[in-house]
Protein backbone atom coordinates (compact mmCIF):
# COMPACT_ATOMS: atom_id res chain seq x y z
CA MET A 1 119.43 98.52 108.28
CA ASN A 2 118.51 102.18 108.66
CA ARG A 3 122.12 103.11 109.45
CA ILE A 4 123.31 101.12 106.45
CA ALA A 5 120.66 102.69 104.25
CA ASP A 6 121.49 106.17 105.62
CA THR A 7 125.19 105.57 104.93
CA ILE A 8 124.41 104.39 101.42
CA ILE A 9 122.12 107.32 100.84
CA ARG A 10 124.71 109.75 102.23
CA ASP A 11 127.43 108.18 100.02
CA ALA A 12 125.10 108.32 97.03
CA GLU A 13 124.24 111.95 97.72
CA ASN A 14 127.94 112.85 98.06
CA GLU A 15 128.79 111.02 94.86
CA ALA A 16 125.77 112.57 93.14
CA SER A 17 126.96 116.05 94.24
CA LYS A 18 130.39 115.36 92.76
CA ILE A 19 128.79 114.13 89.56
CA LEU A 20 126.51 117.15 89.46
CA ALA A 21 129.48 119.51 89.81
CA GLU A 22 131.37 117.68 87.07
CA ALA A 23 128.30 117.54 84.86
CA GLN A 24 127.55 121.22 85.52
CA GLY A 25 131.05 122.12 84.29
CA GLN A 26 130.49 120.06 81.16
CA VAL A 27 127.05 121.56 80.72
CA ASN A 28 128.47 125.07 81.06
CA GLU A 29 131.11 124.28 78.44
CA ILE A 30 128.47 122.85 76.10
CA LYS A 31 126.26 125.86 76.72
CA LYS A 32 129.18 128.20 76.10
CA ARG A 33 130.01 126.55 72.78
CA CYS A 34 126.36 126.47 71.75
CA ARG A 35 125.86 130.09 72.73
CA GLU A 36 128.98 131.10 70.78
CA ASP A 37 127.63 129.26 67.72
CA VAL A 38 124.19 130.74 68.21
CA ASP A 39 125.57 134.25 68.76
CA GLN A 40 127.57 134.00 65.53
CA LEU A 41 124.46 132.90 63.63
CA LYS A 42 122.46 135.64 65.28
CA GLU A 43 124.83 138.36 64.10
CA MET A 44 124.89 137.08 60.49
CA GLU A 45 121.21 136.42 59.98
CA GLU A 46 119.23 138.27 62.66
CA GLU A 47 117.28 140.50 60.30
CA ARG A 48 116.58 137.81 57.72
CA LEU A 49 115.51 135.07 60.13
CA GLY A 50 113.44 137.15 62.54
CA ARG A 51 111.01 135.11 64.59
CA LEU A 52 112.10 131.76 63.07
CA TYR A 53 115.56 132.33 64.43
CA GLN A 54 114.26 133.07 67.92
CA ASP A 55 112.25 129.84 67.92
CA GLU A 56 115.29 127.84 66.82
CA LEU A 57 117.48 129.49 69.45
CA GLU A 58 115.03 128.50 72.19
CA ARG A 59 114.84 124.97 70.81
CA LEU A 60 118.63 124.67 70.84
CA LYS A 61 118.85 125.95 74.42
CA ALA A 62 116.18 123.48 75.49
CA ALA A 63 117.97 120.64 73.66
CA VAL A 64 121.25 121.50 75.43
CA ASP A 65 119.50 121.56 78.80
CA ILE A 66 117.77 118.24 78.10
CA GLU A 67 121.05 116.59 77.07
CA ALA A 68 122.74 117.88 80.21
CA VAL A 69 119.97 116.51 82.41
CA LYS A 70 120.01 113.16 80.59
CA TYR A 71 123.77 112.88 81.05
CA THR A 72 123.57 113.75 84.74
CA LEU A 73 120.69 111.32 85.37
CA GLY A 74 122.58 108.56 83.57
CA ARG A 75 125.65 109.12 85.73
CA LYS A 76 123.50 109.25 88.88
CA HIS A 77 121.96 105.88 88.06
CA GLN A 78 125.37 104.42 87.28
CA VAL A 79 126.80 105.61 90.60
CA LEU A 80 123.78 104.39 92.55
CA ASP A 81 124.01 100.97 90.88
CA GLU A 82 127.69 100.76 91.82
CA LEU A 83 127.02 101.82 95.42
CA PHE A 84 124.16 99.37 95.87
CA GLY A 85 126.24 96.62 94.32
CA GLU A 86 128.93 97.31 96.92
CA PHE A 87 126.27 97.44 99.65
CA GLU A 88 124.96 94.03 98.60
CA LYS A 89 128.47 92.51 98.37
CA ARG A 90 129.36 93.86 101.81
CA ILE A 91 126.25 92.38 103.40
CA MET A 92 126.54 89.06 101.56
CA GLY A 93 130.24 88.78 102.43
CA ASP A 94 129.73 89.18 106.18
CA THR A 95 127.65 86.39 107.75
CA GLU A 96 126.82 88.37 110.90
CA LEU A 97 125.85 91.47 108.90
CA TYR A 98 123.68 89.31 106.63
CA ARG A 99 121.99 87.72 109.70
CA ARG A 100 121.22 91.21 111.02
CA PHE A 101 119.92 92.27 107.62
CA ILE A 102 117.58 89.26 107.37
CA THR A 103 116.47 89.73 111.00
CA ARG A 104 115.74 93.41 110.37
CA MET A 105 113.82 92.68 107.18
CA ILE A 106 111.70 90.06 108.96
CA LEU A 107 111.00 92.41 111.88
CA ASP A 108 110.10 95.24 109.47
CA GLY A 109 107.77 93.00 107.49
CA VAL A 110 105.85 91.21 110.23
CA ARG A 111 102.29 92.46 110.57
CA THR A 112 100.40 89.66 112.33
CA GLY A 113 103.07 87.27 113.59
CA ARG A 114 101.58 84.40 111.58
CA GLU A 115 103.55 84.99 108.39
CA GLU A 116 105.33 82.32 106.43
CA ILE A 117 109.02 83.14 105.80
CA ILE A 118 110.45 82.37 102.38
CA VAL A 119 114.23 82.47 101.93
CA ALA A 120 116.82 81.10 99.54
CA ALA A 121 117.85 77.49 100.13
CA GLU A 122 121.28 78.60 101.34
CA ASP A 123 119.69 80.77 104.06
CA ARG A 124 117.53 78.03 105.61
CA GLU A 125 120.20 76.80 107.99
CA MET A 126 120.87 80.33 109.22
CA LEU A 127 117.18 80.82 109.97
CA GLY A 128 117.06 77.51 111.73
CA ASN A 129 120.06 78.48 113.85
CA GLY A 130 118.38 81.02 116.05
CA ILE A 131 117.14 83.90 113.88
CA LEU A 132 113.56 82.70 113.94
CA LYS A 133 113.66 82.27 117.73
CA ASP A 134 115.26 85.73 118.16
CA VAL A 135 112.66 87.34 115.91
CA LYS A 136 109.77 85.72 117.79
CA LYS A 137 111.23 86.93 121.09
CA LYS A 138 111.58 90.50 119.75
CA LEU A 139 108.01 90.44 118.43
CA ARG A 140 106.44 89.66 121.80
CA GLY A 141 104.57 92.76 122.91
CA LYS A 142 104.73 94.33 119.44
CA ILE A 143 102.00 92.17 117.96
CA THR A 144 98.78 90.76 119.32
CA GLY A 145 99.11 87.17 120.50
CA THR A 146 102.05 84.82 120.37
CA PRO A 147 104.21 85.00 117.23
CA ALA A 148 103.71 81.93 115.05
CA LEU A 149 106.15 82.66 112.25
CA ARG A 150 107.20 79.61 110.29
CA LEU A 151 109.76 78.79 107.65
CA SER A 152 108.14 77.99 104.31
CA ASP A 153 108.89 74.85 102.33
CA GLU A 154 109.18 77.14 99.31
CA ASN A 155 112.62 78.58 98.39
CA LEU A 156 113.46 81.96 96.87
CA GLU A 157 114.84 81.50 93.41
CA GLY A 158 117.54 83.72 91.94
CA ASP A 159 117.75 86.43 94.59
CA ARG A 160 118.67 86.50 98.25
CA GLY A 161 116.73 88.21 100.99
CA VAL A 162 113.35 87.32 102.45
CA ILE A 163 109.65 87.33 101.61
CA LEU A 164 106.99 87.22 104.30
CA ARG A 165 103.60 85.91 103.25
CA GLU A 166 100.27 85.48 104.95
CA GLY A 167 97.51 84.53 102.57
CA ARG A 168 97.61 86.98 99.67
CA VAL A 169 99.64 89.61 101.51
CA GLU A 170 103.39 89.63 100.87
CA TYR A 171 106.25 91.69 102.22
CA ASP A 172 109.10 91.44 99.71
CA ALA A 173 112.57 92.22 101.06
CA ARG A 174 114.72 90.55 98.45
CA PHE A 175 117.89 92.49 97.60
CA ALA A 176 116.54 93.60 94.21
CA VAL A 177 113.42 95.07 95.84
CA VAL A 178 115.33 96.75 98.68
CA ARG A 179 117.75 98.17 96.09
CA ARG A 180 114.87 99.55 94.02
CA HIS A 181 113.27 101.22 97.06
CA LEU A 182 116.55 102.78 98.16
CA LYS A 183 117.26 104.04 94.65
CA GLU A 184 113.82 105.61 94.54
CA ARG A 185 114.49 107.34 97.88
CA CYS A 186 117.86 108.62 96.65
CA GLY A 187 116.48 109.57 93.27
CA ILE A 188 113.88 111.95 94.64
CA GLY A 189 116.47 114.27 96.20
CA VAL A 190 118.81 114.10 93.23
CA ALA A 191 115.98 114.79 90.78
CA ASP A 192 115.03 117.88 92.81
CA ILE A 193 118.59 119.15 92.44
CA LEU A 194 118.72 118.36 88.72
CA PHE A 195 115.42 119.94 87.81
CA GLU A 196 115.50 123.00 90.04
CA ASP A 197 115.06 126.28 88.20
CA LYS A 198 118.51 127.85 87.85
CA ASP A 199 117.39 131.09 86.19
């Protein structure tokens, strides 16, 4: 899962870099046009407008910068959504890859070894065909006692993945949740790039 996530993150960062370069060109063009307009106004009315003009000029520059950032962030989210959609399709389309994904999510989420495993109805057979036994074997020595994981009678509705529950504690590894966490991880680095001080 880490290699898949790293690949997705690397692809997202590469795509985000391309988008940033494209957006920066567009931003520069917008800034150029705005500065040309502002410079023309400045020459015609500099004496008459005085301080009011300076305030408006700063407001326009800030508005251009804000629009550029909004555009770039929108594109970043669009690209990340597309990449994660492909990631999900790839995993869902390959039974062995999906088994490894579910196994990894269960192993990552187990804290006590007594959790109840909740999956979608269509994943029950797969869990019954060895995943649960493999997970229990891998958990020996990593947790205290003998693993007593069990498949819940409850089914996930609407989304695939897995939820581990023991009492009130849940570990949610449904695709939507994993996607959100990965987007947050990717978004931090991209936001740093977008909001760095360029002056």
